[in-house]
Amino acid sequence: MKRKTDIVTFKVDETLLEAMQGLSNRSHFIRSAILAALDNVCPLCKGSGLLTPNQQEHWSRFSESHTVEECENCNELHLVCNNRPQGRRSFKHVW
């Protein structure tokens, strides 16, 4: 028989516990928050905030032809390929 769910528990401080008191379905809220956070995890470090030595080597080679720049429209940082023709260096938001 296939088990549908596993139970995961974690500790929270008093402030977070109080903030969650008014939620009608805390489990659903926590699951949704975790899934949303996983959608935004760095594809290289997988959320650890650190690169392995091999990943650092790959990044070093990649960054020889790419830069991290601030978007003129939204001010967020993004990668820019420096091998593109000058007129098409970065993504332009269309909103």
C-alpha atoms as a PDB file:
ATOM      1  CA  MET A   1       0.000   0.000   0.000  1.00  0.00           C
ATOM      2  CA  LYS A   2       1.352   3.411  -0.977  1.00  0.00           C
ATOM      3  CA  ARG A   3       1.706   5.861   1.897  1.00  0.00           C
ATOM      4  CA  LYS A   4       0.092   9.190   1.033  1.00  0.00           C
ATOM      5  CA  THR A   5       1.867  11.551   3.416  1.00  0.00           C
ATOM      6  CA  ASP A   6       4.762  11.915   5.767  1.00  0.00           C
ATOM      7  CA  ILE A   7       4.643  14.115   8.839  1.00  0.00           C
ATOM      8  CA  VAL A   8       7.254  16.833   9.199  1.00  0.00           C
ATOM      9  CA  THR A   9       7.481  18.893  12.358  1.00  0.00           C
ATOM     10  CA  PHE A  10       9.519  21.971  13.128  1.00  0.00           C
ATOM     11  CA  LYS A  11       9.909  24.481  15.915  1.00  0.00           C
ATOM     12  CA  VAL A  12       8.753  28.083  15.636  1.00  0.00           C
ATOM     13  CA  ASP A  13       9.351  31.056  17.886  1.00  0.00           C
ATOM     14  CA  GLU A  14       6.510  32.687  19.791  1.00  0.00           C
ATOM     15  CA  THR A  15       6.131  35.536  17.287  1.00  0.00           C
ATOM     16  CA  LEU A  16       5.607  33.178  14.356  1.00  0.00           C
ATOM     17  CA  LEU A  17       3.225  31.012  16.374  1.00  0.00           C
ATOM     18  CA  GLU A  18       1.132  34.071  17.243  1.00  0.00           C
ATOM     19  CA  ALA A  19       1.110  35.205  13.604  1.00  0.00           C
ATOM     20  CA  MET A  20      -0.200  31.799  12.533  1.00  0.00           C
ATOM     21  CA  GLN A  21      -2.983  31.651  15.165  1.00  0.00           C
ATOM     22  CA  GLY A  22      -5.649  33.192  12.910  1.00  0.00           C
ATOM     23  CA  LEU A  23      -5.058  30.809  10.000  1.00  0.00           C
ATOM     24  CA  SER A  24      -7.943  28.420   9.427  1.00  0.00           C
ATOM     25  CA  ASN A  25      -5.708  25.714   7.918  1.00  0.00           C
ATOM     26  CA  ARG A  26      -2.105  26.084   9.068  1.00  0.00           C
ATOM     27  CA  SER A  27      -0.996  22.870   7.369  1.00  0.00           C
ATOM     28  CA  HIS A  28      -2.249  24.056   3.984  1.00  0.00           C
ATOM     29  CA  PHE A  29      -0.650  27.479   4.510  1.00  0.00           C
ATOM     30  CA  ILE A  30       2.718  25.934   5.460  1.00  0.00           C
ATOM     31  CA  ARG A  31       2.637  23.495   2.507  1.00  0.00           C
ATOM     32  CA  SER A  32       1.809  26.347   0.111  1.00  0.00           C
ATOM     33  CA  ALA A  33       4.558  28.567   1.536  1.00  0.00           C
ATOM     34  CA  ILE A  34       7.149  25.800   1.243  1.00  0.00           C
ATOM     35  CA  LEU A  35       6.147  25.005  -2.352  1.00  0.00           C
ATOM     36  CA  ALA A  36       6.301  28.707  -3.280  1.00  0.00           C
ATOM     37  CA  ALA A  37       9.742  29.017  -1.686  1.00  0.00           C
ATOM     38  CA  LEU A  38      10.989  25.932  -3.552  1.00  0.00           C
ATOM     39  CA  ASP A  39       9.919  27.532  -6.855  1.00  0.00           C
ATOM     40  CA  ASN A  40      12.339  30.381  -6.109  1.00  0.00           C
ATOM     41  CA  VAL A  41      15.397  28.388  -5.058  1.00  0.00           C
ATOM     42  CA  CYS A  42      18.679  29.192  -6.784  1.00  0.00           C
ATOM     43  CA  PRO A  43      19.244  26.563  -9.482  1.00  0.00           C
ATOM     44  CA  LEU A  44      22.961  26.346  -8.652  1.00  0.00           C
ATOM     45  CA  CYS A  45      23.153  26.216  -4.858  1.00  0.00           C
ATOM     46  CA  LYS A  46      19.647  24.743  -4.355  1.00  0.00           C
ATOM     47  CA  GLY A  47      19.012  27.229  -1.572  1.00  0.00           C
ATOM     48  CA  SER A  48      22.147  26.609   0.472  1.00  0.00           C
ATOM     49  CA  GLY A  49      23.670  29.963  -0.425  1.00  0.00           C
ATOM     50  CA  LEU A  50      26.992  28.276  -1.166  1.00  0.00           C
ATOM     51  CA  LEU A  51      28.595  26.888  -4.305  1.00  0.00           C
ATOM     52  CA  THR A  52      30.698  23.748  -4.245  1.00  0.00           C
ATOM     53  CA  PRO A  53      34.275  24.042  -5.537  1.00  0.00           C
ATOM     54  CA  ASN A  54      33.194  22.497  -8.860  1.00  0.00           C
ATOM     55  CA  GLN A  55      30.245  24.898  -9.137  1.00  0.00           C
ATOM     56  CA  GLN A  56      32.591  27.812  -8.382  1.00  0.00           C
ATOM     57  CA  GLU A  57      34.809  26.681 -11.244  1.00  0.00           C
ATOM     58  CA  HIS A  58      31.821  26.514 -13.616  1.00  0.00           C
ATOM     59  CA  TRP A  59      30.640  29.936 -12.429  1.00  0.00           C
ATOM     60  CA  SER A  60      34.098  31.391 -12.951  1.00  0.00           C
ATOM     61  CA  ARG A  61      34.124  30.228 -16.583  1.00  0.00           C
ATOM     62  CA  PHE A  62      30.532  31.367 -17.129  1.00  0.00           C
ATOM     63  CA  SER A  63      31.214  34.818 -15.673  1.00  0.00           C
ATOM     64  CA  GLU A  64      34.003  35.428 -18.177  1.00  0.00           C
ATOM     65  CA  SER A  65      31.317  36.147 -20.790  1.00  0.00           C
ATOM     66  CA  HIS A  66      28.406  37.133 -18.541  1.00  0.00           C
ATOM     67  CA  THR A  67      27.808  39.869 -15.995  1.00  0.00           C
ATOM     68  CA  VAL A  68      25.306  40.468 -13.234  1.00  0.00           C
ATOM     69  CA  GLU A  69      23.586  43.790 -13.869  1.00  0.00           C
ATOM     70  CA  GLU A  70      20.683  45.771 -12.481  1.00  0.00           C
ATOM     71  CA  CYS A  71      17.604  45.925 -14.711  1.00  0.00           C
ATOM     72  CA  GLU A  72      16.792  49.467 -15.840  1.00  0.00           C
ATOM     73  CA  ASN A  73      13.037  48.769 -15.519  1.00  0.00           C
ATOM     74  CA  CYS A  74      12.576  46.814 -12.296  1.00  0.00           C
ATOM     75  CA  ASN A  75      15.991  47.325 -10.609  1.00  0.00           C
ATOM     76  CA  GLU A  76      16.385  43.577 -10.012  1.00  0.00           C
ATOM     77  CA  LEU A  77      19.713  41.875 -10.655  1.00  0.00           C
ATOM     78  CA  HIS A  78      19.879  39.572 -13.670  1.00  0.00           C
ATOM     79  CA  LEU A  79      22.453  37.821 -15.845  1.00  0.00           C
ATOM     80  CA  VAL A  80      23.520  39.438 -19.100  1.00  0.00           C
ATOM     81  CA  CYS A  81      25.349  37.608 -21.881  1.00  0.00           C
ATOM     82  CA  ASN A  82      28.134  39.848 -23.132  1.00  0.00           C
ATOM     83  CA  ASN A  83      28.335  37.882 -26.408  1.00  0.00           C
ATOM     84  CA  ARG A  84      24.989  39.267 -27.639  1.00  0.00           C
ATOM     85  CA  PRO A  85      24.820  42.062 -30.199  1.00  0.00           C
ATOM     86  CA  GLN A  86      24.945  45.444 -28.429  1.00  0.00           C
ATOM     87  CA  GLY A  87      21.307  46.310 -29.167  1.00  0.00           C
ATOM     88  CA  ARG A  88      19.960  43.167 -27.507  1.00  0.00           C
ATOM     89  CA  ARG A  89      21.999  42.856 -24.310  1.00  0.00           C
ATOM     90  CA  SER A  90      19.181  42.337 -21.826  1.00  0.00           C
ATOM     91  CA  PHE A  91      15.562  41.369 -21.379  1.00  0.00           C
ATOM     92  CA  LYS A  92      13.083  44.262 -21.559  1.00  0.00           C
ATOM     93  CA  HIS A  93       9.957  44.084 -19.436  1.00  0.00           C
ATOM     94  CA  VAL A  94       6.725  44.629 -21.325  1.00  0.00           C
ATOM     95  CA  TRP A  95       4.249  45.514 -18.595  1.00  0.00           C
END
